[in-house]
Protein backbone atom coordinates (compact mmCIF):
# COMPACT_ATOMS: atom_id res chain seq x y z
CA MET A 1 -27.63 34.21 134.57
CA SER A 2 -25.74 31.84 136.85
CA TRP A 3 -23.29 29.07 136.03
CA SER A 4 -25.28 26.87 138.41
CA ASP A 5 -28.33 27.23 136.14
CA TRP A 6 -29.21 23.88 134.58
CA LYS A 7 -29.87 25.60 131.25
CA VAL A 8 -26.22 26.66 131.09
CA TRP A 9 -25.07 23.08 131.46
CA LEU A 10 -27.67 21.92 128.96
CA GLY A 11 -26.08 24.30 126.47
CA MET A 12 -22.64 22.93 127.29
CA ALA A 13 -23.92 19.40 126.73
CA VAL A 14 -25.39 20.43 123.36
CA THR A 15 -22.02 21.88 122.38
CA ALA A 16 -20.15 18.74 123.46
CA ILE A 17 -22.50 16.49 121.48
CA SER A 18 -22.36 18.79 118.45
CA VAL A 19 -18.55 18.85 118.49
CA TRP A 20 -18.46 15.06 118.70
CA LEU A 21 -20.89 14.70 115.79
CA ALA A 22 -18.97 17.25 113.72
CA VAL A 23 -15.49 15.74 114.18
CA ARG A 24 -16.17 12.01 114.38
CA GLY A 25 -14.49 10.05 111.64
CA ILE A 26 -12.55 13.08 110.37
CA PRO A 27 -8.72 12.99 110.58
CA LEU A 28 -7.88 16.16 112.49
CA GLU A 29 -4.52 16.49 110.74
CA GLU A 30 -6.43 16.87 107.46
CA VAL A 31 -8.58 19.57 109.04
CA VAL A 32 -5.47 21.44 110.15
CA GLN A 33 -3.98 21.09 106.68
CA ALA A 34 -7.16 22.47 105.08
CA ILE A 35 -7.03 25.47 107.41
CA ARG A 36 -3.39 26.10 106.55
CA GLU A 37 -4.14 25.99 102.83
CA SER A 38 -7.07 28.41 103.07
CA ASN A 39 -6.82 32.13 102.34
CA PHE A 40 -7.55 33.17 105.92
CA TRP A 41 -6.43 36.79 105.76
CA SER A 42 -8.43 37.45 102.61
CA LEU A 43 -11.47 35.84 104.23
CA LEU A 44 -11.03 38.00 107.34
CA ALA A 45 -10.49 41.22 105.39
CA LEU A 46 -13.55 40.70 103.19
CA SER A 47 -15.92 39.06 105.70
CA ALA A 48 -15.42 41.45 108.62
CA PRO A 49 -17.02 44.42 106.80
CA CYS A 50 -19.99 42.19 105.92
CA TYR A 51 -20.56 41.34 109.58
CA LEU A 52 -20.27 44.99 110.60
CA MET A 53 -22.67 46.01 107.84
CA SER A 54 -25.07 43.33 109.06
CA VAL A 55 -25.12 44.95 112.50
CA TYR A 56 -25.81 48.30 110.84
CA PHE A 57 -28.74 46.90 108.84
CA ARG A 58 -30.07 45.28 112.01
CA ALA A 59 -29.94 48.63 113.77
CA LEU A 60 -31.83 50.25 110.89
CA ARG A 61 -34.48 47.52 110.96
CA TRP A 62 -34.80 47.79 114.73
CA ARG A 63 -35.33 51.55 114.37
CA HIS A 64 -38.45 50.92 112.30
CA LEU A 65 -39.66 48.32 114.80
CA VAL A 66 -39.34 50.72 117.75
CA GLN A 67 -40.58 53.79 115.85
CA PRO A 68 -44.16 53.40 117.14
CA LEU A 69 -42.74 53.39 120.69
CA GLY A 70 -40.41 56.37 120.38
CA ASP A 71 -37.74 58.03 118.25
CA VAL A 72 -34.41 56.33 119.00
CA PRO A 73 -31.07 57.48 117.49
CA ARG A 74 -29.35 55.05 115.15
CA SER A 75 -26.17 55.30 117.24
CA LEU A 76 -27.97 53.88 120.30
CA LEU A 77 -29.55 51.12 118.26
CA TYR A 78 -26.19 50.17 116.75
CA ARG A 79 -24.44 50.20 120.12
CA SER A 80 -27.12 48.07 121.77
CA THR A 81 -27.01 45.57 118.90
CA ALA A 82 -23.21 45.40 118.96
CA LEU A 83 -23.19 44.78 122.72
CA GLY A 84 -25.79 42.06 122.28
CA PHE A 85 -23.71 40.18 119.71
CA MET A 86 -20.63 40.47 121.91
CA ALA A 87 -22.50 39.11 124.92
CA ASN A 88 -23.87 36.19 122.89
CA ASN A 89 -20.29 35.35 121.92
CA LEU A 90 -18.99 35.50 125.49
CA LEU A 91 -21.90 34.29 127.64
CA PRO A 92 -24.29 31.31 127.46
CA LEU A 93 -28.07 31.22 127.00
CA ARG A 94 -27.98 33.91 124.27
CA ILE A 95 -27.99 36.42 127.10
CA GLY A 96 -27.01 39.09 124.59
CA GLU A 97 -30.66 39.44 123.56
CA VAL A 98 -31.45 40.41 127.15
CA ILE A 99 -28.49 42.76 127.41
CA ARG A 100 -29.34 44.68 124.27
CA ALA A 101 -32.97 45.04 125.36
CA LEU A 102 -31.90 46.26 128.81
CA THR A 103 -29.37 48.68 127.31
CA MET A 104 -31.92 50.08 124.89
CA ALA A 105 -34.58 50.48 127.60
CA ARG A 106 -32.14 52.20 129.95
CA ASP A 107 -30.73 54.65 127.41
CA SER A 108 -33.91 55.40 125.44
CA GLY A 109 -36.50 55.52 128.21
CA ILE A 110 -38.80 53.11 126.37
CA PRO A 111 -40.44 50.56 128.71
CA LEU A 112 -38.46 47.32 128.86
CA ALA A 113 -41.48 45.13 128.10
CA SER A 114 -42.08 46.95 124.82
CA VAL A 115 -38.41 46.71 123.83
CA VAL A 116 -38.44 42.98 124.53
CA GLY A 117 -41.42 42.69 122.21
CA THR A 118 -39.47 44.25 119.34
CA VAL A 119 -36.49 41.95 119.99
CA ALA A 120 -38.77 38.91 119.88
CA LEU A 121 -40.32 40.19 116.65
CA GLU A 122 -36.84 40.54 115.16
CA ARG A 123 -36.16 36.89 115.84
CA VAL A 124 -39.40 35.88 114.13
CA LEU A 125 -38.50 37.98 111.08
CA ASP A 126 -35.08 36.31 110.95
CA VAL A 127 -36.60 32.84 111.15
CA VAL A 128 -39.07 33.56 108.35
CA THR A 129 -36.40 35.11 106.10
CA VAL A 130 -33.85 32.32 106.58
CA LEU A 131 -36.39 29.53 106.17
CA ALA A 132 -37.74 31.14 103.00
CA MET A 133 -34.22 31.37 101.56
CA SER A 134 -33.47 27.75 102.46
CA LEU A 135 -36.77 26.59 101.01
CA GLY A 136 -36.06 28.43 97.78
CA GLY A 137 -32.60 26.90 97.59
CA ILE A 138 -33.88 23.38 98.20
CA ALA A 139 -36.66 23.82 95.64
CA TYR A 140 -34.11 24.91 93.04
CA LEU A 141 -31.78 21.97 93.70
CA VAL A 142 -34.67 19.49 93.58
CA SER A 143 -35.88 20.92 90.26
CA ALA A 144 -32.33 20.97 88.88
CA SER A 145 -31.78 17.29 89.78
CA PRO A 146 -34.38 15.31 87.80
CA PRO A 147 -34.95 11.72 88.94
CA GLY A 148 -33.04 8.93 87.24
CA PRO A 149 -34.46 5.68 85.89
CA GLU A 150 -34.64 4.27 89.42
CA GLY A 151 -36.38 7.32 90.85
CA PRO A 152 -35.02 10.25 92.85
CA SER A 153 -31.47 10.07 94.14
CA GLU A 154 -30.79 9.84 97.86
CA LEU A 155 -29.89 13.53 97.91
CA GLY A 156 -33.09 14.35 96.04
CA ARG A 157 -35.15 12.44 98.59
CA VAL A 158 -33.42 14.23 101.47
CA LEU A 159 -34.01 17.62 99.86
CA GLY A 160 -37.63 16.75 99.17
CA GLN A 161 -38.21 15.77 102.79
CA GLY A 162 -36.46 18.94 103.92
CA SER A 163 -38.76 21.10 101.82
CA LYS A 164 -41.81 19.41 103.38
CA PHE A 165 -40.52 20.43 106.80
CA LEU A 166 -39.44 23.96 105.91
CA LEU A 167 -42.70 25.01 104.26
CA PRO A 168 -44.88 24.72 107.40
CA ALA A 169 -41.98 25.95 109.54
CA ALA A 170 -41.80 29.14 107.46
CA ALA A 171 -45.58 29.57 107.25
CA ALA A 172 -46.30 29.07 110.97
CA PRO A 173 -44.60 32.28 112.22
CA ILE A 174 -46.39 34.32 109.54
CA LEU A 175 -49.78 32.91 110.54
CA ILE A 176 -49.06 33.52 114.23
CA LEU A 177 -48.02 37.12 113.50
CA ALA A 178 -51.20 37.68 111.50
CA ALA A 179 -53.36 36.29 114.30
CA LEU A 180 -51.64 38.41 116.94
CA ARG A 181 -51.95 41.51 114.76
CA VAL A 182 -55.64 41.02 113.94
CA ALA A 183 -57.01 39.49 117.16
CA PRO A 184 -54.44 39.59 119.99
CA GLU A 185 -56.98 39.16 122.80
CA ALA A 186 -58.46 36.09 121.15
CA VAL A 187 -55.00 34.53 120.87
CA ILE A 188 -54.20 35.33 124.50
CA THR A 189 -57.52 33.83 125.61
CA PHE A 190 -56.87 30.68 123.56
CA VAL A 191 -53.35 30.27 124.97
CA GLY A 192 -54.67 30.82 128.49
CA ALA A 193 -57.26 28.09 127.99
CA CYS A 194 -54.58 25.68 126.75
CA LEU A 195 -52.39 26.44 129.77
CA ARG A 196 -55.19 26.24 132.34
CA PRO A 197 -53.86 23.01 133.94
CA LEU A 198 -50.53 24.73 134.65
CA PRO A 199 -49.74 26.97 137.67
CA ILE A 200 -51.23 30.46 137.52
CA ARG A 201 -47.80 32.05 137.93
CA PHE A 202 -46.57 30.34 134.78
CA ARG A 203 -49.72 31.37 132.90
CA SER A 204 -49.20 34.97 133.97
CA VAL A 205 -45.61 34.95 132.72
CA VAL A 206 -46.69 33.55 129.35
CA GLU A 207 -49.53 36.07 129.02
CA GLY A 208 -47.19 38.93 129.92
CA GLY A 209 -44.70 37.75 127.32
CA ILE A 210 -47.38 37.60 124.62
CA ARG A 211 -48.63 41.10 125.49
CA SER A 212 -45.05 42.43 125.32
CA PHE A 213 -44.65 40.79 121.93
CA VAL A 214 -47.92 42.31 120.72
CA GLY A 215 -46.62 45.69 121.84
CA GLY A 216 -43.74 45.30 119.41
CA LEU A 217 -46.04 44.61 116.45
CA GLY A 218 -46.94 48.25 115.93
CA ALA A 219 -44.49 48.62 113.04
CA LEU A 220 -46.30 45.88 111.12
CA ARG A 221 -49.31 48.09 110.52
CA GLY A 222 -48.17 48.59 106.92
CA GLY A 223 -46.87 51.55 104.97
CA PRO A 224 -43.21 52.56 104.64
CA HIS A 225 -42.18 50.95 107.94
CA LEU A 226 -43.18 47.52 106.71
CA PHE A 227 -41.32 48.06 103.43
CA TRP A 228 -38.08 49.04 105.16
CA ILE A 229 -38.36 46.19 107.67
CA ALA A 230 -38.70 43.71 104.81
CA LEU A 231 -35.87 45.31 102.82
CA HIS A 232 -33.47 45.30 105.77
CA SER A 233 -34.34 41.67 106.55
CA VAL A 234 -33.41 40.74 102.99
CA LEU A 235 -30.18 42.75 103.14
CA ILE A 236 -29.21 41.19 106.48
CA TRP A 237 -29.49 37.64 105.23
CA LEU A 238 -29.39 37.71 101.44
CA VAL A 239 -26.36 40.01 101.23
CA THR A 240 -24.38 40.39 104.45
CA GLY A 241 -25.29 36.92 105.72
CA THR A 242 -24.60 35.06 102.49
CA ALA A 243 -21.41 36.88 101.46
CA PRO A 244 -19.12 35.43 104.20
CA ILE A 245 -20.23 31.90 103.28
CA LEU A 246 -19.50 32.50 99.60
CA LEU A 247 -16.13 33.96 100.58
CA GLY A 248 -15.54 30.83 102.64
CA PHE A 249 -16.21 28.69 99.58
CA VAL A 250 -13.61 30.68 97.64
CA SER A 251 -11.10 30.68 100.50
CA PHE A 252 -11.22 26.88 100.79
CA GLY A 253 -11.49 26.19 97.07
CA VAL A 254 -14.97 24.65 97.37
CA ASP A 255 -16.51 24.19 93.92
CA LEU A 256 -20.25 23.53 93.97
CA GLY A 257 -20.88 23.92 90.26
CA GLY A 258 -20.84 27.61 89.44
CA ALA A 259 -21.77 30.99 90.92
CA TRP A 260 -25.54 30.42 91.03
CA GLU A 261 -25.20 26.92 92.49
CA SER A 262 -22.79 28.25 95.14
CA LEU A 263 -25.31 30.95 96.06
CA VAL A 264 -28.11 28.40 96.41
CA HIS A 265 -25.97 26.12 98.57
CA ALA A 266 -25.02 29.13 100.70
CA TRP A 267 -28.72 29.84 101.33
CA ILE A 268 -29.31 26.27 102.47
CA LEU A 269 -26.26 26.41 104.73
CA LEU A 270 -27.45 29.75 106.09
CA GLY A 271 -30.73 28.13 107.10
CA ALA A 272 -28.83 25.44 109.00
CA LEU A 273 -26.68 28.09 110.68
CA GLY A 274 -29.80 30.02 111.69
CA ALA A 275 -31.06 26.92 113.48
CA ALA A 276 -27.61 26.23 114.95
CA VAL A 277 -27.27 29.62 116.63
CA ALA A 278 -30.85 29.49 117.95
CA ILE A 279 -30.49 26.31 120.01
CA PRO A 280 -28.98 26.50 123.51
CA SER A 281 -25.24 25.90 123.43
CA ALA A 282 -21.94 27.25 124.69
CA PRO A 283 -21.09 30.93 124.13
CA GLY A 284 -20.71 31.82 120.48
CA SER A 285 -22.72 28.78 119.34
CA ILE A 286 -19.49 26.82 119.02
CA GLY A 287 -20.26 23.22 118.17
CA PRO A 288 -23.66 23.57 116.49
CA TYR A 289 -22.12 26.13 114.10
CA GLN A 290 -19.47 23.67 112.89
CA LEU A 291 -21.96 20.80 112.81
CA ALA A 292 -24.15 22.83 110.43
CA PHE A 293 -21.25 23.08 107.97
CA THR A 294 -20.51 19.36 107.95
CA ALA A 295 -24.18 18.33 107.95
CA VAL A 296 -24.99 20.50 104.92
CA LEU A 297 -21.81 20.52 102.83
CA VAL A 298 -20.72 16.87 103.06
CA PRO A 299 -23.90 15.53 101.35
CA PHE A 300 -23.20 17.99 98.52
CA GLY A 301 -19.80 16.42 97.90
CA VAL A 302 -17.50 18.61 99.99
CA ALA A 303 -14.75 16.63 101.74
CA LYS A 304 -15.39 16.21 105.47
CA PRO A 305 -12.09 17.79 106.58
CA THR A 306 -12.70 20.79 104.31
CA ALA A 307 -16.28 21.26 105.53
CA LEU A 308 -15.19 21.14 109.17
CA ALA A 309 -12.20 23.42 108.56
CA MET A 310 -14.43 25.93 106.82
CA GLY A 311 -16.90 25.80 109.72
CA ILE A 312 -14.08 26.54 112.16
CA VAL A 313 -12.51 29.41 110.22
CA VAL A 314 -15.75 31.12 109.15
CA TRP A 315 -16.97 30.89 112.75
CA TRP A 316 -13.70 32.34 114.06
CA VAL A 317 -13.91 35.35 111.73
CA TYR A 318 -17.55 35.91 112.77
CA TRP A 319 -16.75 35.54 116.48
CA LEU A 320 -13.65 37.72 116.38
CA THR A 321 -15.22 40.57 114.41
CA LEU A 322 -18.38 40.95 116.48
CA THR A 323 -16.68 40.34 119.82
CA LEU A 324 -14.01 42.99 119.21
CA GLN A 325 -16.63 45.47 118.02
CA GLY A 326 -18.68 44.93 121.16
CA LEU A 327 -15.63 45.27 123.41
CA VAL A 328 -14.83 48.62 121.79
CA TYR A 329 -18.35 49.90 122.46
CA LEU A 330 -18.16 48.50 125.99
CA ALA A 331 -14.94 50.42 126.64
CA LEU A 332 -16.29 53.66 125.18
CA GLY A 333 -19.79 53.48 126.65
CA LYS A 334 -21.23 54.66 129.93
CA GLY A 335 -21.48 51.96 132.54
CA SER A 336 -21.51 48.24 131.91
CA PRO A 337 -24.59 46.57 130.45
CA PHE A 338 -23.72 43.48 132.47
CA GLU A 339 -24.66 45.40 135.62
CA LEU A 340 -28.21 45.56 134.27
CA LEU A 341 -28.46 41.77 134.54
CA ARG A 342 -28.18 42.10 138.30
CA ARG A 343 -30.16 45.34 138.65
CA PRO A 344 -32.55 45.68 135.74
CA GLU A 345 -34.05 49.13 135.39
């Protein structure tokens, strides 16, 4: 990773555009006032354990993903995951995914290519889980908002269009996983044929990446591993991912119509946040994270200053908790994982 890399500056540009879109037309003094009136310390005290528990559940899920490759202690899995989150918060290009794979490979002895495959599989599982939650939330809101005499409301039309997009987006990763699990060589051959006009070096990199990913699919063979992977994915997002958003609603006095309605709106917002942190941006996903809050909450009737203020404060609690945790592990650990970026083992 180099600051002269064009991808770094692309991420910075995405952040700048996202910040502009998030704050335009919003009086900043009202945002500051909303932050002052929020229950920040309660939000921090209650959300921080959720984020730490999320890292723990991720480590448990990763253990089942790497089990076919070797027996790895939970402590190593947790440390690698914590360092990865910290690096994502401090460095661009989501380099934390690379750092945690390198750290795991170095300390466990498992080949790096296989570890990378499990990390990629984790991301697919996250995408499927978040999209499914968002789709369920949108479906509920559409069904709970029957059309008026002039047809569906504007919000109903937006939600309906969103569901049409999310359904194939959630189904595509599942179909790809099934194809790679059942007939990996056929998929690799098909991809190679599609990429034939491109340079052979690029085709080799793509094929190597697919084979590494296939190597991480061993845990999807069924049985107890698959059950625990699914359970931990649900716990990561449905419990520890949703709770800080619900706490944010309470902290800022956001009333979306009751406990169940708040939960459904939190799922939809979580889907937007999942997309926000996936796109290239500045370290910590600052910009897209706040834009997700305003883009989702304002159409549901939340005041723009409140939505932006909530996006800032919830992000700050998330960033602070996971960055400090990673720094503690960095101080207590052997060597620096950042050295691995220059001399991968």
